Amino acid sequence: MLGEHGEPTHGFFIYDAAVHIPMILAGPGLPSRVVPDQVRIVDVMPTALELLGVTPPTPVQGASLMPLARGQRRGLQAYSESWYPRYHYGWSELVSVQDGRFQQTVTITPEFGTGHLYLAKALLNAGDLEGAERSARAELHANADPKIAPLGHYVLADVFNRRGRSQEAAREAAAARRLERAGLSPRGARAPRGESP
């Protein structure tokens, strides 16, 4: 995940790359197989209890994944959220519901500008790099809000990373970080040494 979507760390966005955790189970009586179905971290405890032959407490969140080991389907939906944007930047928290095929991510309040960033993120997730770049640039052109502009630059950084244009990606990510720092400081912020203003 690091560097993907222009995010140098985990915690801000809830793209699939940030919330997808591979699950590996091994033990006596478990067949060897790769299961492409979506599972959730909340399913670990009920699965472990079933493997141990222990009845889960009721009520319990999650569901045992043992049917998947036997070749059955579960069709689980996963919920993700990130409050990092709200607590650290005063933006909206992000929530996401995913069913294994599609992921729908929304903000609780409409603080992401004119809507171009929603489209840019959706196009990016779909692999349409040209469309994502167009939408991110449209947002940057239409909206100079210092709370929103960093996201446009992060989307562009991700587009350039995926195209193998690391210098342009680094430039966009640096622009996003400068805007974030400037938004946190009433007089603006100076670029650190080695970063152009």
Protein backbone atom coordinates (compact mmCIF):
# COMPACT_ATOMS: atom_id res chain seq x y z
CA MET A 1 0.00 0.00 0.00
CA LEU A 2 2.75 2.46 0.80
CA GLY A 3 2.92 5.04 -1.97
CA GLU A 4 -0.18 3.76 -3.70
CA HIS A 5 -2.83 6.45 -4.24
CA GLY A 6 -0.17 9.02 -3.27
CA GLU A 7 -0.48 8.05 0.38
CA PRO A 8 2.89 7.51 2.09
CA THR A 9 1.29 5.80 5.13
CA HIS A 10 -1.77 3.79 6.05
CA GLY A 11 -4.81 5.37 7.64
CA PHE A 12 -6.18 8.25 5.59
CA PHE A 13 -7.96 6.69 2.63
CA ILE A 14 -9.86 3.42 2.63
CA TYR A 15 -8.98 2.14 -0.82
CA ASP A 16 -9.02 -1.63 -1.18
CA ALA A 17 -5.20 -1.56 -1.18
CA ALA A 18 -5.32 -0.11 2.35
CA VAL A 19 -7.98 -2.37 3.85
CA HIS A 20 -7.35 -5.68 2.05
CA ILE A 21 -5.63 -8.18 4.33
CA PRO A 22 -4.93 -11.66 2.99
CA MET A 23 -6.11 -14.39 5.33
CA ILE A 24 -4.14 -17.62 5.59
CA LEU A 25 -5.48 -20.64 7.46
CA ALA A 26 -3.60 -23.88 7.93
CA GLY A 27 -4.22 -26.92 10.05
CA PRO A 28 -5.22 -30.55 10.15
CA GLY A 29 -8.20 -31.30 7.96
CA LEU A 30 -8.06 -28.02 6.08
CA PRO A 31 -7.86 -28.52 2.33
CA SER A 32 -5.24 -26.58 0.40
CA ARG A 33 -6.98 -23.95 -1.69
CA VAL A 34 -7.05 -20.28 -2.63
CA VAL A 35 -10.40 -18.69 -1.87
CA PRO A 36 -11.05 -15.48 -3.83
CA ASP A 37 -14.11 -14.53 -1.74
CA GLN A 38 -14.02 -11.41 0.37
CA VAL A 39 -13.69 -12.05 4.09
CA ARG A 40 -13.54 -9.67 7.01
CA ILE A 41 -11.31 -9.33 10.03
CA VAL A 42 -14.40 -9.70 12.22
CA ASP A 43 -14.71 -13.28 10.85
CA VAL A 44 -11.41 -14.44 12.38
CA MET A 45 -12.74 -15.18 15.87
CA PRO A 46 -15.80 -17.25 14.81
CA THR A 47 -13.58 -19.18 12.37
CA ALA A 48 -10.92 -19.90 15.00
CA LEU A 49 -13.57 -21.02 17.49
CA GLU A 50 -15.09 -23.41 14.95
CA LEU A 51 -11.65 -24.84 14.18
CA LEU A 52 -11.14 -25.40 17.92
CA GLY A 53 -14.60 -26.98 18.30
CA VAL A 54 -15.79 -24.21 20.60
CA THR A 55 -19.27 -22.75 20.29
CA PRO A 56 -19.07 -18.98 19.69
CA PRO A 57 -20.81 -16.72 22.20
CA THR A 58 -24.09 -15.15 21.13
CA PRO A 59 -24.47 -12.64 19.78
CA VAL A 60 -21.17 -12.50 17.95
CA GLN A 61 -20.02 -10.27 15.13
CA GLY A 62 -18.69 -12.01 12.06
CA ALA A 63 -19.24 -15.46 10.62
CA SER A 64 -17.17 -18.60 10.44
CA LEU A 65 -15.26 -18.91 7.18
CA MET A 66 -15.11 -22.69 7.31
CA PRO A 67 -17.81 -23.00 4.61
CA LEU A 68 -15.31 -21.30 2.25
CA ALA A 69 -12.71 -23.95 3.09
CA ARG A 70 -15.28 -26.55 2.06
CA GLY A 71 -15.87 -24.83 -1.31
CA GLN A 72 -19.09 -23.02 -0.39
CA ARG A 73 -19.77 -19.31 -0.98
CA ARG A 74 -20.53 -16.72 1.71
CA GLY A 75 -21.22 -13.45 -0.19
CA LEU A 76 -20.06 -11.29 2.72
CA GLN A 77 -20.20 -7.50 2.75
CA ALA A 78 -17.41 -5.59 4.48
CA TYR A 79 -17.63 -2.18 6.15
CA SER A 80 -14.57 0.07 6.50
CA GLU A 81 -14.11 3.53 7.92
CA SER A 82 -11.39 6.09 8.55
CA TRP A 83 -11.77 8.92 11.03
CA TYR A 84 -8.20 10.11 10.45
CA PRO A 85 -9.29 12.87 8.02
CA ARG A 86 -11.71 14.28 10.60
CA TYR A 87 -9.40 14.14 13.62
CA HIS A 88 -6.27 15.39 11.89
CA TYR A 89 -7.53 17.71 9.13
CA GLY A 90 -11.06 18.70 10.06
CA TRP A 91 -12.44 16.93 6.97
CA SER A 92 -15.13 14.29 6.84
CA GLU A 93 -14.62 10.75 7.93
CA LEU A 94 -14.77 8.15 5.16
CA VAL A 95 -16.94 5.05 5.11
CA SER A 96 -16.97 2.19 2.64
CA VAL A 97 -19.07 -0.87 1.90
CA GLN A 98 -17.62 -3.59 -0.28
CA ASP A 99 -19.14 -6.81 -1.53
CA GLY A 100 -16.10 -8.39 -3.18
CA ARG A 101 -16.93 -6.99 -6.61
CA PHE A 102 -17.56 -3.32 -5.91
CA GLN A 103 -16.51 -0.82 -3.29
CA GLN A 104 -18.58 2.27 -2.54
CA THR A 105 -16.77 4.93 -0.55
CA VAL A 106 -18.49 8.09 0.64
CA THR A 107 -17.91 10.94 3.02
CA ILE A 108 -20.45 11.64 5.70
CA THR A 109 -20.69 15.30 4.66
CA PRO A 110 -20.05 16.71 1.18
CA GLU A 111 -16.65 18.34 1.78
CA PHE A 112 -14.80 17.01 -1.23
CA GLY A 113 -15.41 19.92 -3.53
CA THR A 114 -17.32 19.92 -6.77
CA GLY A 115 -17.54 16.15 -7.15
CA HIS A 116 -14.61 15.79 -9.54
CA LEU A 117 -12.59 14.06 -6.80
CA TYR A 118 -15.31 11.46 -6.23
CA LEU A 119 -15.20 10.72 -9.94
CA ALA A 120 -11.39 10.78 -10.03
CA LYS A 121 -11.16 8.23 -7.20
CA ALA A 122 -13.77 5.97 -8.82
CA LEU A 123 -11.98 6.15 -12.19
CA LEU A 124 -8.66 5.44 -10.50
CA ASN A 125 -10.07 2.35 -8.80
CA ALA A 126 -11.46 1.23 -12.17
CA GLY A 127 -8.03 1.67 -13.80
CA ASP A 128 -9.02 4.63 -16.00
CA LEU A 129 -5.89 6.71 -15.43
CA GLU A 130 -6.67 9.30 -18.12
CA GLY A 131 -10.15 9.90 -16.72
CA ALA A 132 -8.82 10.08 -13.16
CA GLU A 133 -6.19 12.62 -14.18
CA ARG A 134 -8.76 14.75 -16.05
CA SER A 135 -11.15 14.75 -13.09
CA ALA A 136 -8.44 15.54 -10.53
CA ARG A 137 -7.17 18.44 -12.66
CA ALA A 138 -10.75 19.70 -13.10
CA GLU A 139 -11.17 19.76 -9.32
CA LEU A 140 -7.87 21.59 -8.84
CA HIS A 141 -8.91 24.12 -11.48
CA ALA A 142 -12.43 24.60 -10.09
CA ASN A 143 -11.68 24.58 -6.39
CA ALA A 144 -8.77 26.30 -4.64
CA ASP A 145 -9.90 25.27 -1.15
CA PRO A 146 -6.70 24.31 0.74
CA LYS A 147 -8.58 21.51 2.50
CA ILE A 148 -9.53 19.89 -0.82
CA ALA A 149 -6.61 20.63 -3.14
CA PRO A 150 -4.20 18.16 -1.45
CA LEU A 151 -6.50 15.30 -2.40
CA GLY A 152 -6.39 16.31 -6.06
CA HIS A 153 -2.60 16.28 -5.94
CA TYR A 154 -2.61 12.86 -4.21
CA VAL A 155 -4.84 11.45 -6.95
CA LEU A 156 -2.44 12.83 -9.58
CA ALA A 157 0.50 11.33 -7.67
CA ASP A 158 -1.21 7.95 -7.81
CA VAL A 159 -1.90 8.31 -11.54
CA PHE A 160 1.75 9.11 -12.22
CA ASN A 161 2.95 6.25 -9.97
CA ARG A 162 0.80 3.80 -11.90
CA ARG A 163 2.24 5.12 -15.15
CA GLY A 164 5.80 4.67 -13.87
CA ARG A 165 6.46 8.41 -13.79
CA SER A 166 7.93 8.57 -10.30
CA GLN A 167 9.37 12.10 -10.51
CA GLU A 168 5.99 13.58 -11.45
CA ALA A 169 4.34 11.48 -8.74
CA ALA A 170 6.81 12.78 -6.16
CA ARG A 171 6.18 16.36 -7.32
CA GLU A 172 2.40 15.98 -6.89
CA ALA A 173 2.74 14.31 -3.48
CA ALA A 174 5.09 17.11 -2.36
CA ALA A 175 2.55 19.70 -3.54
CA ALA A 176 -0.15 17.94 -1.51
CA ARG A 177 2.02 17.89 1.62
CA ARG A 178 2.87 21.59 1.21
CA LEU A 179 -0.82 22.46 0.95
CA GLU A 180 -1.60 20.33 4.01
CA ARG A 181 1.08 22.11 6.04
CA ALA A 182 -0.07 25.50 4.77
CA GLY A 183 -3.63 24.67 5.79
CA LEU A 184 -2.46 23.86 9.32
CA SER A 185 -0.44 27.06 9.69
CA PRO A 186 -2.16 30.48 9.67
CA ARG A 187 0.75 32.08 7.81
CA GLY A 188 1.48 29.17 5.53
CA ALA A 189 4.36 26.75 5.77
CA ARG A 190 7.79 26.64 4.27
CA ALA A 191 8.87 23.62 2.30
CA PRO A 192 11.40 21.41 4.02
CA ARG A 193 14.94 21.34 2.67
CA GLY A 194 15.11 19.50 -0.64
CA GLU A 195 11.43 20.13 -1.45
CA SER A 196 10.63 22.89 -3.90
CA PRO A 197 8.16 25.54 -2.72
